[in-house]
Amino acid sequence: MALEYCFSTVPFQIIYKKLITMTLSNKQKQHLKGLAHALKPVVQLGGNGLTEGVLAEIESALGFHELIKVKVPTDDKEEKALIMDAIVRETQAVKVQSIGHILAIFKPSDEKKIELPKR
């Protein structure tokens, strides 16, 4: 009875979306890298690092643009890698590319603004 109640109060779509991880072929990644080349960073982390507010802003930008760049200005390579991995994990986006302090990520929205090539 308790198990049934638990499943009836949590929408299946939310659970299902959390389990989906998108994988891109090399051709699709190359296409996204080409599109990301001309983009400027939409979000830049400040002195407080990765906060809930920054994550909310990244989510919002991903919902609107699908493909964005995030600037992570830190000198420590390990810290930068951890922050970039946390952004990808928390937003459930796909890491397209990271060069220096810039991370390019992609997350398709319901409106499919970016058309990916076939695999």
N, C-alpha and C. Protein backbone atom coordinates (compact mmCIF):
# COMPACT_ATOMS: atom_id res chain seq x y z
N MET A 1 0.83 -1.19 0.00
CA MET A 1 0.00 0.00 0.00
C MET A 1 0.88 1.25 0.00
N ALA A 2 1.94 1.29 0.81
CA ALA A 2 2.83 2.45 0.88
C ALA A 2 3.57 2.64 -0.44
N LEU A 3 3.97 1.55 -1.05
CA LEU A 3 4.67 1.63 -2.33
C LEU A 3 3.75 2.19 -3.41
N GLU A 4 2.51 1.74 -3.41
CA GLU A 4 1.53 2.23 -4.37
C GLU A 4 1.30 3.73 -4.17
N TYR A 5 1.22 4.17 -2.94
CA TYR A 5 1.00 5.59 -2.63
C TYR A 5 2.19 6.42 -3.11
N CYS A 6 3.39 5.90 -2.92
CA CYS A 6 4.60 6.62 -3.32
C CYS A 6 4.59 6.87 -4.83
N PHE A 7 4.26 5.84 -5.59
CA PHE A 7 4.26 5.98 -7.04
C PHE A 7 3.10 6.83 -7.53
N SER A 8 2.01 6.85 -6.80
CA SER A 8 0.88 7.64 -7.25
C SER A 8 1.08 9.14 -7.01
N THR A 9 1.97 9.53 -6.09
CA THR A 9 2.18 10.95 -5.81
C THR A 9 3.30 11.55 -6.64
N VAL A 10 4.18 10.74 -7.21
CA VAL A 10 5.30 11.25 -8.01
C VAL A 10 4.99 11.02 -9.48
N PRO A 11 4.92 12.08 -10.27
CA PRO A 11 4.65 11.90 -11.70
C PRO A 11 5.72 11.06 -12.37
N PHE A 12 5.28 10.13 -13.21
CA PHE A 12 6.20 9.22 -13.89
C PHE A 12 7.14 9.98 -14.81
N GLN A 13 6.67 11.05 -15.43
CA GLN A 13 7.49 11.80 -16.38
C GLN A 13 8.74 12.37 -15.72
N ILE A 14 8.61 12.84 -14.49
CA ILE A 14 9.77 13.41 -13.79
C ILE A 14 10.82 12.33 -13.56
N ILE A 15 10.40 11.17 -13.09
CA ILE A 15 11.33 10.07 -12.84
C ILE A 15 11.96 9.63 -14.16
N TYR A 16 11.16 9.51 -15.20
CA TYR A 16 11.64 9.04 -16.49
C TYR A 16 12.66 10.01 -17.09
N LYS A 17 12.41 11.31 -16.99
CA LYS A 17 13.35 12.29 -17.53
C LYS A 17 14.69 12.24 -16.80
N LYS A 18 14.68 11.96 -15.52
CA LYS A 18 15.93 11.90 -14.75
C LYS A 18 16.80 10.74 -15.21
N LEU A 19 16.18 9.65 -15.70
CA LEU A 19 16.94 8.46 -16.06
C LEU A 19 17.51 8.52 -17.47
N ILE A 20 16.98 9.41 -18.30
CA ILE A 20 17.43 9.49 -19.68
C ILE A 20 18.75 10.24 -19.75
N THR A 21 19.72 9.66 -20.40
CA THR A 21 20.96 10.37 -20.68
C THR A 21 21.14 10.35 -22.19
N MET A 22 21.38 11.50 -22.73
CA MET A 22 21.49 11.62 -24.18
C MET A 22 22.92 11.36 -24.61
N THR A 23 23.07 10.58 -25.64
CA THR A 23 24.39 10.35 -26.21
C THR A 23 24.37 10.88 -27.64
N LEU A 24 25.45 11.51 -28.03
CA LEU A 24 25.57 12.07 -29.36
C LEU A 24 26.65 11.34 -30.13
N SER A 25 26.43 11.20 -31.42
CA SER A 25 27.46 10.62 -32.27
C SER A 25 28.54 11.68 -32.52
N ASN A 26 29.66 11.27 -33.07
CA ASN A 26 30.74 12.21 -33.38
C ASN A 26 30.28 13.25 -34.39
N LYS A 27 29.48 12.82 -35.35
CA LYS A 27 28.97 13.72 -36.37
C LYS A 27 28.08 14.80 -35.74
N GLN A 28 27.23 14.40 -34.79
CA GLN A 28 26.36 15.35 -34.12
C GLN A 28 27.16 16.32 -33.25
N LYS A 29 28.18 15.79 -32.56
CA LYS A 29 29.03 16.66 -31.73
C LYS A 29 29.78 17.67 -32.60
N GLN A 30 30.28 17.24 -33.73
CA GLN A 30 30.99 18.15 -34.63
C GLN A 30 30.05 19.25 -35.13
N HIS A 31 28.81 18.89 -35.42
CA HIS A 31 27.82 19.87 -35.85
C HIS A 31 27.57 20.91 -34.75
N LEU A 32 27.42 20.43 -33.51
CA LEU A 32 27.18 21.34 -32.39
C LEU A 32 28.39 22.21 -32.09
N LYS A 33 29.59 21.66 -32.24
CA LYS A 33 30.81 22.45 -32.05
C LYS A 33 30.86 23.59 -33.06
N GLY A 34 30.48 23.30 -34.29
CA GLY A 34 30.45 24.32 -35.32
C GLY A 34 29.46 25.43 -35.00
N LEU A 35 28.30 25.05 -34.47
CA LEU A 35 27.30 26.05 -34.08
C LEU A 35 27.75 26.85 -32.86
N ALA A 36 28.45 26.19 -31.95
CA ALA A 36 28.89 26.85 -30.71
C ALA A 36 30.06 27.80 -30.94
N HIS A 37 30.77 27.64 -32.04
CA HIS A 37 31.97 28.43 -32.28
C HIS A 37 31.70 29.94 -32.21
N ALA A 38 30.61 30.38 -32.79
CA ALA A 38 30.32 31.81 -32.86
C ALA A 38 29.63 32.34 -31.59
N LEU A 39 29.26 31.46 -30.68
CA LEU A 39 28.53 31.90 -29.48
C LEU A 39 29.46 32.53 -28.45
N LYS A 40 28.91 33.46 -27.71
CA LYS A 40 29.59 34.05 -26.55
C LYS A 40 29.04 33.36 -25.31
N PRO A 41 29.82 33.32 -24.21
CA PRO A 41 29.29 32.71 -22.98
C PRO A 41 28.04 33.44 -22.49
N VAL A 42 27.01 32.66 -22.20
CA VAL A 42 25.74 33.21 -21.73
C VAL A 42 25.78 33.39 -20.21
N VAL A 43 26.44 32.46 -19.53
CA VAL A 43 26.53 32.48 -18.07
C VAL A 43 27.99 32.48 -17.67
N GLN A 44 28.33 33.31 -16.69
CA GLN A 44 29.68 33.33 -16.16
C GLN A 44 29.61 33.15 -14.66
N LEU A 45 30.36 32.19 -14.14
CA LEU A 45 30.39 31.97 -12.71
C LEU A 45 31.14 33.10 -12.02
N GLY A 46 30.65 33.50 -10.87
CA GLY A 46 31.28 34.58 -10.13
C GLY A 46 32.16 34.06 -9.02
N GLY A 47 32.42 34.91 -8.04
CA GLY A 47 33.29 34.57 -6.93
C GLY A 47 32.72 33.51 -6.01
N ASN A 48 31.39 33.37 -6.00
CA ASN A 48 30.75 32.36 -5.14
C ASN A 48 30.76 30.98 -5.76
N GLY A 49 31.21 30.86 -6.99
CA GLY A 49 31.27 29.56 -7.64
C GLY A 49 29.91 29.11 -8.15
N LEU A 50 29.71 27.81 -8.11
CA LEU A 50 28.49 27.20 -8.63
C LEU A 50 27.43 27.19 -7.53
N THR A 51 26.44 28.07 -7.65
CA THR A 51 25.37 28.17 -6.67
C THR A 51 24.06 27.73 -7.30
N GLU A 52 23.03 27.63 -6.46
CA GLU A 52 21.70 27.26 -6.96
C GLU A 52 21.20 28.29 -7.97
N GLY A 53 21.49 29.56 -7.73
CA GLY A 53 21.08 30.61 -8.65
C GLY A 53 21.74 30.49 -10.01
N VAL A 54 23.01 30.15 -10.01
CA VAL A 54 23.74 29.98 -11.27
C VAL A 54 23.19 28.77 -12.02
N LEU A 55 22.92 27.69 -11.31
CA LEU A 55 22.35 26.50 -11.95
C LEU A 55 20.97 26.81 -12.54
N ALA A 56 20.17 27.59 -11.81
CA ALA A 56 18.85 27.97 -12.32
C ALA A 56 18.99 28.82 -13.58
N GLU A 57 19.96 29.70 -13.61
CA GLU A 57 20.19 30.54 -14.79
C GLU A 57 20.65 29.69 -15.98
N ILE A 58 21.50 28.71 -15.73
CA ILE A 58 21.96 27.81 -16.79
C ILE A 58 20.79 27.01 -17.34
N GLU A 59 19.94 26.48 -16.44
CA GLU A 59 18.75 25.73 -16.86
C GLU A 59 17.84 26.59 -17.73
N SER A 60 17.65 27.83 -17.30
CA SER A 60 16.80 28.75 -18.04
C SER A 60 17.37 29.02 -19.43
N ALA A 61 18.67 29.27 -19.49
CA ALA A 61 19.33 29.54 -20.78
C ALA A 61 19.27 28.32 -21.69
N LEU A 62 19.45 27.13 -21.12
CA LEU A 62 19.37 25.90 -21.92
C LEU A 62 17.96 25.70 -22.46
N GLY A 63 16.96 26.02 -21.66
CA GLY A 63 15.58 25.89 -22.11
C GLY A 63 15.27 26.81 -23.26
N PHE A 64 15.90 27.97 -23.28
CA PHE A 64 15.64 28.95 -24.33
C PHE A 64 16.51 28.72 -25.57
N HIS A 65 17.81 28.46 -25.37
CA HIS A 65 18.75 28.38 -26.49
C HIS A 65 19.12 26.96 -26.92
N GLU A 66 19.05 25.99 -26.03
CA GLU A 66 19.46 24.59 -26.23
C GLU A 66 20.98 24.41 -26.25
N LEU A 67 21.72 25.31 -26.85
CA LEU A 67 23.18 25.21 -26.91
C LEU A 67 23.75 26.51 -26.35
N ILE A 68 24.51 26.39 -25.26
CA ILE A 68 25.07 27.58 -24.63
C ILE A 68 26.52 27.34 -24.24
N LYS A 69 27.19 28.45 -23.95
CA LYS A 69 28.54 28.40 -23.40
C LYS A 69 28.49 28.97 -21.99
N VAL A 70 29.28 28.36 -21.11
CA VAL A 70 29.39 28.81 -19.72
C VAL A 70 30.86 29.07 -19.44
N LYS A 71 31.15 30.21 -18.83
CA LYS A 71 32.54 30.55 -18.50
C LYS A 71 32.79 30.23 -17.03
N VAL A 72 33.83 29.43 -16.79
CA VAL A 72 34.21 29.02 -15.44
C VAL A 72 35.60 29.59 -15.16
N PRO A 73 35.68 30.82 -14.61
CA PRO A 73 36.98 31.47 -14.42
C PRO A 73 37.66 31.05 -13.12
N THR A 74 38.37 29.95 -13.18
CA THR A 74 39.16 29.53 -12.03
C THR A 74 40.52 29.04 -12.54
N ASP A 75 41.55 29.23 -11.73
CA ASP A 75 42.90 28.86 -12.15
C ASP A 75 43.23 27.39 -11.87
N ASP A 76 42.52 26.79 -10.90
CA ASP A 76 42.78 25.41 -10.52
C ASP A 76 42.11 24.47 -11.53
N LYS A 77 42.91 23.68 -12.23
CA LYS A 77 42.39 22.78 -13.26
C LYS A 77 41.44 21.73 -12.70
N GLU A 78 41.78 21.17 -11.54
CA GLU A 78 40.93 20.13 -10.93
C GLU A 78 39.59 20.72 -10.51
N GLU A 79 39.62 21.90 -9.92
CA GLU A 79 38.38 22.56 -9.49
C GLU A 79 37.51 22.89 -10.70
N LYS A 80 38.15 23.37 -11.76
CA LYS A 80 37.42 23.70 -12.99
C LYS A 80 36.75 22.46 -13.57
N ALA A 81 37.48 21.35 -13.60
CA ALA A 81 36.92 20.11 -14.12
C ALA A 81 35.74 19.63 -13.27
N LEU A 82 35.88 19.75 -11.95
CA LEU A 82 34.80 19.35 -11.06
C LEU A 82 33.56 20.22 -11.25
N ILE A 83 33.75 21.52 -11.41
CA ILE A 83 32.63 22.44 -11.62
C ILE A 83 31.94 22.13 -12.95
N MET A 84 32.73 21.91 -13.99
CA MET A 84 32.15 21.61 -15.30
C MET A 84 31.37 20.30 -15.26
N ASP A 85 31.91 19.28 -14.60
CA ASP A 85 31.21 18.01 -14.47
C ASP A 85 29.92 18.17 -13.67
N ALA A 86 29.96 19.00 -12.63
CA ALA A 86 28.76 19.24 -11.82
C ALA A 86 27.69 19.96 -12.63
N ILE A 87 28.09 20.90 -13.47
CA ILE A 87 27.12 21.60 -14.32
C ILE A 87 26.43 20.61 -15.26
N VAL A 88 27.21 19.77 -15.90
CA VAL A 88 26.66 18.78 -16.82
C VAL A 88 25.74 17.81 -16.08
N ARG A 89 26.17 17.36 -14.92
CA ARG A 89 25.38 16.40 -14.14
C ARG A 89 24.07 17.02 -13.65
N GLU A 90 24.14 18.21 -13.08
CA GLU A 90 22.96 18.83 -12.49
C GLU A 90 21.95 19.31 -13.54
N THR A 91 22.42 19.75 -14.68
CA THR A 91 21.51 20.21 -15.72
C THR A 91 21.05 19.09 -16.63
N GLN A 92 21.68 17.93 -16.53
CA GLN A 92 21.41 16.78 -17.38
C GLN A 92 21.58 17.13 -18.86
N ALA A 93 22.58 17.95 -19.12
CA ALA A 93 22.92 18.34 -20.48
C ALA A 93 24.06 17.47 -20.99
N VAL A 94 24.38 17.65 -22.25
CA VAL A 94 25.48 16.92 -22.87
C VAL A 94 26.65 17.88 -23.04
N LYS A 95 27.81 17.45 -22.60
CA LYS A 95 29.02 18.27 -22.77
C LYS A 95 29.46 18.15 -24.22
N VAL A 96 29.44 19.28 -24.91
CA VAL A 96 29.84 19.29 -26.31
C VAL A 96 31.34 19.49 -26.42
N GLN A 97 31.85 20.46 -25.63
CA GLN A 97 33.27 20.79 -25.73
C GLN A 97 33.66 21.66 -24.54
N SER A 98 34.90 21.54 -24.12
CA SER A 98 35.44 22.49 -23.14
C SER A 98 36.85 22.87 -23.59
N ILE A 99 37.04 24.16 -23.74
CA ILE A 99 38.34 24.71 -24.13
C ILE A 99 38.66 25.81 -23.13
N GLY A 100 39.76 25.65 -22.43
CA GLY A 100 40.16 26.65 -21.44
C GLY A 100 39.11 26.79 -20.36
N HIS A 101 38.59 27.99 -20.20
CA HIS A 101 37.60 28.27 -19.16
C HIS A 101 36.17 28.17 -19.68
N ILE A 102 35.99 27.79 -20.94
CA ILE A 102 34.67 27.81 -21.57
C ILE A 102 34.14 26.39 -21.75
N LEU A 103 32.90 26.19 -21.31
CA LEU A 103 32.20 24.91 -21.45
C LEU A 103 31.01 25.12 -22.38
N ALA A 104 30.91 24.30 -23.42
CA ALA A 104 29.75 24.33 -24.31
C ALA A 104 28.89 23.11 -23.99
N ILE A 105 27.59 23.35 -23.71
CA ILE A 105 26.69 22.26 -23.37
C ILE A 105 25.41 22.36 -24.21
N PHE A 106 24.79 21.20 -24.40
CA PHE A 106 23.59 21.10 -25.22
C PHE A 106 22.53 20.31 -24.47
N LYS A 107 21.32 20.82 -24.50
CA LYS A 107 20.17 20.11 -23.94
C LYS A 107 18.97 20.43 -24.80
N PRO A 108 18.44 19.44 -25.52
CA PRO A 108 17.30 19.72 -26.39
C PRO A 108 16.06 20.12 -25.59
N SER A 109 15.33 21.09 -26.10
CA SER A 109 14.09 21.50 -25.44
C SER A 109 12.92 20.84 -26.16
N ASP A 110 11.73 21.11 -25.69
CA ASP A 110 10.53 20.53 -26.30
C ASP A 110 10.30 21.09 -27.70
N GLU A 111 10.82 22.29 -27.96
CA GLU A 111 10.57 22.96 -29.24
C GLU A 111 11.59 22.60 -30.33
N LYS A 112 12.64 21.87 -30.01
CA LYS A 112 13.65 21.42 -30.97
C LYS A 112 14.12 22.54 -31.90
N LYS A 113 14.81 23.50 -31.32
CA LYS A 113 15.31 24.65 -32.10
C LYS A 113 16.52 24.28 -32.95
N ILE A 114 17.31 23.32 -32.48
CA ILE A 114 18.49 22.89 -33.21
C ILE A 114 18.23 21.51 -33.78
N GLU A 115 18.35 21.38 -35.07
CA GLU A 115 18.15 20.09 -35.74
C GLU A 115 19.50 19.38 -35.84
N LEU A 116 19.60 18.22 -35.23
CA LEU A 116 20.84 17.44 -35.26
C LEU A 116 20.87 16.56 -36.51
N PRO A 117 22.05 16.37 -37.09
CA PRO A 117 22.14 15.45 -38.22
C PRO A 117 21.89 14.00 -37.78
N LYS A 118 21.52 13.19 -38.71
CA LYS A 118 21.29 11.76 -38.40
C LYS A 118 22.60 11.14 -37.95
N ARG A 119 22.49 10.12 -37.14
CA ARG A 119 23.68 9.45 -36.63
C ARG A 119 24.45 8.87 -37.75
